[in-house]
Amino acid sequence: MPSGKTHDRITWWCTPWVGLGTMIATRHWGYTLLVLWGFIFAGLMFGPDLDIWSVQSKRWGWLAWIWRPYRKSLRHRSWLSHGFLSGTVVRLLYLSVLGFLGLLIVLEISNGSGRTSVTWNDLGRSAAQLFLRYWREWAAIAIGIELGAMSHSVSDWLVSAWQREGRRQQKGRHRNSRKK
């Protein structure tokens, strides 16, 4: 399996190609930049290896603790962390739930002190309006995040397959040498 530094190199080497492909597909600099931002973010900080104590986990700095429950609940390289779409969706949902809980705590504290009159309905309407108004931008970011995660998972799968093939060939050579 590639090291964290190798995954970083893959991210940086693929970045211009992802940008070129996105620009050809969209002919829009704004969407291209959002896809690239999502790709780099996923490749360096939000990728599948958050299911172990990894370079990606460490890059969260003092917030790295938020990934501990995620790590404890998933087996490394499971389809829930490294799978196509599923890994990204699980990480986004996990982070969204944490963000929601954090927002809940902040709102309850501020409502308790009488400083704000923001309601959950207000927040829900605002979030829905932001999503509906900027859905193309959110889609571009999501595509970039998934592409970044897939560059990681595909490199893991390719290296694992290459290693299995090498072991298989070694066993075959060892059997053939005993027959002589």
C-alpha atoms as a PDB file:
ATOM      1  CA  MET A   1       0.000   0.000   0.000  1.00  0.00           C
ATOM      2  CA  PRO A   2       1.410   3.432  -0.865  1.00  0.00           C
ATOM      3  CA  SER A   3       2.686   5.630   1.933  1.00  0.00           C
ATOM      4  CA  GLY A   4       1.147   8.977   2.849  1.00  0.00           C
ATOM      5  CA  LYS A   5       3.918  10.771   0.956  1.00  0.00           C
ATOM      6  CA  THR A   6       3.194   8.683  -2.135  1.00  0.00           C
ATOM      7  CA  HIS A   7      -0.519   9.520  -1.911  1.00  0.00           C
ATOM      8  CA  ASP A   8       0.439  13.200  -1.624  1.00  0.00           C
ATOM      9  CA  ARG A   9       2.602  12.935  -4.747  1.00  0.00           C
ATOM     10  CA  ILE A  10      -0.241  11.224  -6.613  1.00  0.00           C
ATOM     11  CA  THR A  11      -2.570  14.071  -5.591  1.00  0.00           C
ATOM     12  CA  TRP A  12      -0.155  16.747  -6.786  1.00  0.00           C
ATOM     13  CA  TRP A  13       0.696  14.907 -10.025  1.00  0.00           C
ATOM     14  CA  CYS A  14      -2.980  14.354 -10.855  1.00  0.00           C
ATOM     15  CA  THR A  15      -4.065  17.911 -10.011  1.00  0.00           C
ATOM     16  CA  PRO A  16      -3.206  19.463 -13.418  1.00  0.00           C
ATOM     17  CA  TRP A  17      -4.931  16.579 -15.228  1.00  0.00           C
ATOM     18  CA  VAL A  18      -8.061  16.932 -13.106  1.00  0.00           C
ATOM     19  CA  GLY A  19      -8.005  20.674 -13.796  1.00  0.00           C
ATOM     20  CA  LEU A  20      -7.547  20.166 -17.529  1.00  0.00           C
ATOM     21  CA  GLY A  21     -10.317  17.556 -17.691  1.00  0.00           C
ATOM     22  CA  THR A  22     -12.677  19.746 -15.702  1.00  0.00           C
ATOM     23  CA  MET A  23     -11.930  22.785 -17.838  1.00  0.00           C
ATOM     24  CA  ILE A  24     -12.576  20.804 -21.015  1.00  0.00           C
ATOM     25  CA  ALA A  25     -15.823  19.402 -19.571  1.00  0.00           C
ATOM     26  CA  THR A  26     -17.191  22.635 -18.094  1.00  0.00           C
ATOM     27  CA  ARG A  27     -15.412  25.463 -19.933  1.00  0.00           C
ATOM     28  CA  HIS A  28     -15.827  27.379 -16.670  1.00  0.00           C
ATOM     29  CA  TRP A  29     -12.936  28.573 -14.484  1.00  0.00           C
ATOM     30  CA  GLY A  30     -15.062  28.832 -11.358  1.00  0.00           C
ATOM     31  CA  TYR A  31     -16.215  25.211 -11.493  1.00  0.00           C
ATOM     32  CA  THR A  32     -12.714  24.080 -12.389  1.00  0.00           C
ATOM     33  CA  LEU A  33     -11.269  25.804  -9.338  1.00  0.00           C
ATOM     34  CA  LEU A  34     -13.941  24.306  -7.070  1.00  0.00           C
ATOM     35  CA  VAL A  35     -13.290  20.798  -8.407  1.00  0.00           C
ATOM     36  CA  LEU A  36      -9.551  21.323  -7.924  1.00  0.00           C
ATOM     37  CA  TRP A  37     -10.071  22.623  -4.387  1.00  0.00           C
ATOM     38  CA  GLY A  38     -12.184  19.545  -3.546  1.00  0.00           C
ATOM     39  CA  PHE A  39      -9.635  17.231  -5.169  1.00  0.00           C
ATOM     40  CA  ILE A  40      -6.676  18.671  -3.253  1.00  0.00           C
ATOM     41  CA  PHE A  41      -8.632  18.822   0.023  1.00  0.00           C
ATOM     42  CA  ALA A  42      -9.651  15.158  -0.317  1.00  0.00           C
ATOM     43  CA  GLY A  43      -6.196  14.075  -1.418  1.00  0.00           C
ATOM     44  CA  LEU A  44      -4.416  15.756   1.467  1.00  0.00           C
ATOM     45  CA  MET A  45      -6.917  15.928   4.357  1.00  0.00           C
ATOM     46  CA  PHE A  46     -10.278  14.286   3.680  1.00  0.00           C
ATOM     47  CA  GLY A  47      -9.414  10.992   2.034  1.00  0.00           C
ATOM     48  CA  PRO A  48     -10.009   7.353   2.875  1.00  0.00           C
ATOM     49  CA  ASP A  49      -7.075   7.033   5.292  1.00  0.00           C
ATOM     50  CA  LEU A  50      -8.950   8.965   7.968  1.00  0.00           C
ATOM     51  CA  ASP A  51      -9.944   5.452   9.097  1.00  0.00           C
ATOM     52  CA  ILE A  52      -6.430   5.070  10.583  1.00  0.00           C
ATOM     53  CA  TRP A  53      -4.007   7.407  12.373  1.00  0.00           C
ATOM     54  CA  SER A  54      -2.420   8.686   9.157  1.00  0.00           C
ATOM     55  CA  VAL A  55      -0.803  11.720   7.580  1.00  0.00           C
ATOM     56  CA  GLN A  56      -4.311  12.850   6.605  1.00  0.00           C
ATOM     57  CA  SER A  57      -5.488  12.558  10.217  1.00  0.00           C
ATOM     58  CA  LYS A  58      -2.478  14.467  11.527  1.00  0.00           C
ATOM     59  CA  ARG A  59      -3.108  17.345   9.119  1.00  0.00           C
ATOM     60  CA  TRP A  60      -6.272  18.186  11.034  1.00  0.00           C
ATOM     61  CA  GLY A  61      -3.979  19.454  13.785  1.00  0.00           C
ATOM     62  CA  TRP A  62      -5.768  20.154  17.059  1.00  0.00           C
ATOM     63  CA  LEU A  63      -9.041  19.014  15.412  1.00  0.00           C
ATOM     64  CA  ALA A  64      -7.663  15.519  14.699  1.00  0.00           C
ATOM     65  CA  TRP A  65      -9.592  14.202  17.703  1.00  0.00           C
ATOM     66  CA  ILE A  66     -12.864  14.520  15.764  1.00  0.00           C
ATOM     67  CA  TRP A  67     -11.827  11.549  13.595  1.00  0.00           C
ATOM     68  CA  ARG A  68     -11.191   9.176  16.535  1.00  0.00           C
ATOM     69  CA  PRO A  69     -14.781   7.784  16.650  1.00  0.00           C
ATOM     70  CA  TYR A  70     -14.701   7.387  12.860  1.00  0.00           C
ATOM     71  CA  ARG A  71     -11.426   5.429  13.097  1.00  0.00           C
ATOM     72  CA  LYS A  72     -12.724   3.245  15.929  1.00  0.00           C
ATOM     73  CA  SER A  73     -15.928   2.345  14.081  1.00  0.00           C
ATOM     74  CA  LEU A  74     -14.479   1.416  10.668  1.00  0.00           C
ATOM     75  CA  ARG A  75     -12.111  -1.322   9.603  1.00  0.00           C
ATOM     76  CA  HIS A  76      -9.221   0.025   7.513  1.00  0.00           C
ATOM     77  CA  ARG A  77      -9.876  -0.114   3.772  1.00  0.00           C
ATOM     78  CA  SER A  78     -13.491  -1.183   4.240  1.00  0.00           C
ATOM     79  CA  TRP A  79     -15.993  -0.221   1.570  1.00  0.00           C
ATOM     80  CA  LEU A  80     -17.356   2.406   3.986  1.00  0.00           C
ATOM     81  CA  SER A  81     -14.056   4.277   3.981  1.00  0.00           C
ATOM     82  CA  HIS A  82     -12.396   3.374   0.677  1.00  0.00           C
ATOM     83  CA  GLY A  83     -15.417   2.535  -1.517  1.00  0.00           C
ATOM     84  CA  PHE A  84     -16.478   4.444  -4.600  1.00  0.00           C
ATOM     85  CA  LEU A  85     -18.947   7.139  -3.481  1.00  0.00           C
ATOM     86  CA  SER A  86     -19.695   5.343  -0.196  1.00  0.00           C
ATOM     87  CA  GLY A  87     -16.454   6.445   1.473  1.00  0.00           C
ATOM     88  CA  THR A  88     -16.937  10.089   0.555  1.00  0.00           C
ATOM     89  CA  VAL A  89     -20.615  10.044   1.512  1.00  0.00           C
ATOM     90  CA  VAL A  90     -19.837   8.457   4.909  1.00  0.00           C
ATOM     91  CA  ARG A  91     -17.102  11.030   5.646  1.00  0.00           C
ATOM     92  CA  LEU A  92     -19.321  13.940   4.554  1.00  0.00           C
ATOM     93  CA  LEU A  93     -22.221  12.655   6.662  1.00  0.00           C
ATOM     94  CA  TYR A  94     -19.934  12.108   9.641  1.00  0.00           C
ATOM     95  CA  LEU A  95     -18.508  15.623   9.403  1.00  0.00           C
ATOM     96  CA  SER A  96     -21.992  17.080   8.842  1.00  0.00           C
ATOM     97  CA  VAL A  97     -23.341  15.381  11.972  1.00  0.00           C
ATOM     98  CA  LEU A  98     -20.418  16.731  14.002  1.00  0.00           C
ATOM     99  CA  GLY A  99     -20.969  20.200  12.559  1.00  0.00           C
ATOM    100  CA  PHE A 100     -24.667  19.970  13.340  1.00  0.00           C
ATOM    101  CA  LEU A 101     -23.946  18.933  16.946  1.00  0.00           C
ATOM    102  CA  GLY A 102     -21.444  21.773  17.297  1.00  0.00           C
ATOM    103  CA  LEU A 103     -23.992  24.228  15.931  1.00  0.00           C
ATOM    104  CA  LEU A 104     -26.602  22.840  18.318  1.00  0.00           C
ATOM    105  CA  ILE A 105     -24.300  23.429  21.280  1.00  0.00           C
ATOM    106  CA  VAL A 106     -23.471  26.978  20.165  1.00  0.00           C
ATOM    107  CA  LEU A 107     -27.151  27.816  19.574  1.00  0.00           C
ATOM    108  CA  GLU A 108     -28.258  26.381  22.888  1.00  0.00           C
ATOM    109  CA  ILE A 109     -25.573  28.319  24.729  1.00  0.00           C
ATOM    110  CA  SER A 110     -26.402  31.559  22.923  1.00  0.00           C
ATOM    111  CA  ASN A 111     -30.190  31.068  23.250  1.00  0.00           C
ATOM    112  CA  GLY A 112     -29.751  30.377  26.942  1.00  0.00           C
ATOM    113  CA  SER A 113     -27.985  33.682  27.393  1.00  0.00           C
ATOM    114  CA  GLY A 114     -30.685  35.543  25.431  1.00  0.00           C
ATOM    115  CA  ARG A 115     -28.203  36.796  22.792  1.00  0.00           C
ATOM    116  CA  THR A 116     -29.863  35.412  19.681  1.00  0.00           C
ATOM    117  CA  SER A 117     -33.281  34.652  18.338  1.00  0.00           C
ATOM    118  CA  VAL A 118     -32.205  32.300  15.557  1.00  0.00           C
ATOM    119  CA  THR A 119     -34.427  29.239  15.303  1.00  0.00           C
ATOM    120  CA  TRP A 120     -33.793  25.831  13.769  1.00  0.00           C
ATOM    121  CA  ASN A 121     -36.411  26.633  11.114  1.00  0.00           C
ATOM    122  CA  ASP A 122     -34.468  29.768  10.160  1.00  0.00           C
ATOM    123  CA  LEU A 123     -31.265  27.770   9.862  1.00  0.00           C
ATOM    124  CA  GLY A 124     -32.949  25.022   7.854  1.00  0.00           C
ATOM    125  CA  ARG A 125     -34.474  27.504   5.420  1.00  0.00           C
ATOM    126  CA  SER A 126     -31.172  29.331   5.013  1.00  0.00           C
ATOM    127  CA  ALA A 127     -29.276  26.098   4.391  1.00  0.00           C
ATOM    128  CA  ALA A 128     -31.849  24.911   1.851  1.00  0.00           C
ATOM    129  CA  GLN A 129     -31.741  28.251   0.035  1.00  0.00           C
ATOM    130  CA  LEU A 130     -27.937  28.167  -0.082  1.00  0.00           C
ATOM    131  CA  PHE A 131     -27.946  24.630  -1.417  1.00  0.00           C
ATOM    132  CA  LEU A 132     -30.628  25.275  -4.045  1.00  0.00           C
ATOM    133  CA  ARG A 133     -29.133  28.555  -5.181  1.00  0.00           C
ATOM    134  CA  TYR A 134     -25.568  27.218  -5.440  1.00  0.00           C
ATOM    135  CA  TRP A 135     -26.174  23.557  -6.241  1.00  0.00           C
ATOM    136  CA  ARG A 136     -23.743  23.583  -9.196  1.00  0.00           C
ATOM    137  CA  GLU A 137     -20.955  24.887  -6.985  1.00  0.00           C
ATOM    138  CA  TRP A 138     -21.714  22.281  -4.298  1.00  0.00           C
ATOM    139  CA  ALA A 139     -21.749  19.580  -6.998  1.00  0.00           C
ATOM    140  CA  ALA A 140     -18.353  20.741  -8.301  1.00  0.00           C
ATOM    141  CA  ILE A 141     -16.867  20.560  -4.798  1.00  0.00           C
ATOM    142  CA  ALA A 142     -18.407  17.109  -4.221  1.00  0.00           C
ATOM    143  CA  ILE A 143     -17.047  15.821  -7.536  1.00  0.00           C
ATOM    144  CA  GLY A 144     -13.586  17.113  -6.638  1.00  0.00           C
ATOM    145  CA  ILE A 145     -13.734  15.463  -3.217  1.00  0.00           C
ATOM    146  CA  GLU A 146     -14.802  12.146  -4.744  1.00  0.00           C
ATOM    147  CA  LEU A 147     -12.066  12.324  -7.411  1.00  0.00           C
ATOM    148  CA  GLY A 148      -9.471  12.996  -4.694  1.00  0.00           C
ATOM    149  CA  ALA A 149     -10.718  10.062  -2.639  1.00  0.00           C
ATOM    150  CA  MET A 150     -10.742   7.809  -5.692  1.00  0.00           C
ATOM    151  CA  SER A 151      -7.163   8.707  -6.621  1.00  0.00           C
ATOM    152  CA  HIS A 152      -6.253   7.408  -3.174  1.00  0.00           C
ATOM    153  CA  SER A 153      -8.358   4.231  -3.304  1.00  0.00           C
ATOM    154  CA  VAL A 154      -7.366   3.347  -6.863  1.00  0.00           C
ATOM    155  CA  SER A 155      -3.666   3.651  -6.007  1.00  0.00           C
ATOM    156  CA  ASP A 156      -4.232   1.398  -2.953  1.00  0.00           C
ATOM    157  CA  TRP A 157      -6.030  -1.182  -5.083  1.00  0.00           C
ATOM    158  CA  LEU A 158      -3.385  -1.095  -7.840  1.00  0.00           C
ATOM    159  CA  VAL A 159      -0.472  -1.503  -5.428  1.00  0.00           C
ATOM    160  CA  SER A 160      -2.257  -4.317  -3.577  1.00  0.00           C
ATOM    161  CA  ALA A 161      -2.984  -6.125  -6.846  1.00  0.00           C
ATOM    162  CA  TRP A 162       0.632  -5.677  -7.947  1.00  0.00           C
ATOM    163  CA  GLN A 163       1.891  -7.047  -4.615  1.00  0.00           C
ATOM    164  CA  ARG A 164      -0.502 -10.036  -4.782  1.00  0.00           C
ATOM    165  CA  GLU A 165       0.671 -10.781  -8.324  1.00  0.00           C
ATOM    166  CA  GLY A 166       4.314 -10.583  -7.216  1.00  0.00           C
ATOM    167  CA  ARG A 167       3.665 -12.996  -4.336  1.00  0.00           C
ATOM    168  CA  ARG A 168       1.797 -15.342  -6.675  1.00  0.00           C
ATOM    169  CA  GLN A 169       4.697 -15.332  -9.120  1.00  0.00           C
ATOM    170  CA  GLN A 170       7.179 -15.929  -6.285  1.00  0.00           C
ATOM    171  CA  LYS A 171       5.187 -18.981  -5.149  1.00  0.00           C
ATOM    172  CA  GLY A 172       5.088 -20.273  -8.736  1.00  0.00           C
ATOM    173  CA  ARG A 173       8.860 -19.906  -9.113  1.00  0.00           C
ATOM    174  CA  HIS A 174       9.431 -21.595  -5.776  1.00  0.00           C
ATOM    175  CA  ARG A 175       7.222 -24.587  -6.793  1.00  0.00           C
ATOM    176  CA  ASN A 176       8.937 -24.872 -10.186  1.00  0.00           C
ATOM    177  CA  SER A 177      12.412 -24.837  -8.633  1.00  0.00           C
ATOM    178  CA  ARG A 178      11.482 -27.736  -6.317  1.00  0.00           C
ATOM    179  CA  LYS A 179      10.251 -29.824  -9.259  1.00  0.00           C
ATOM    180  CA  LYS A 180      13.641 -29.736 -11.015  1.00  0.00           C
END
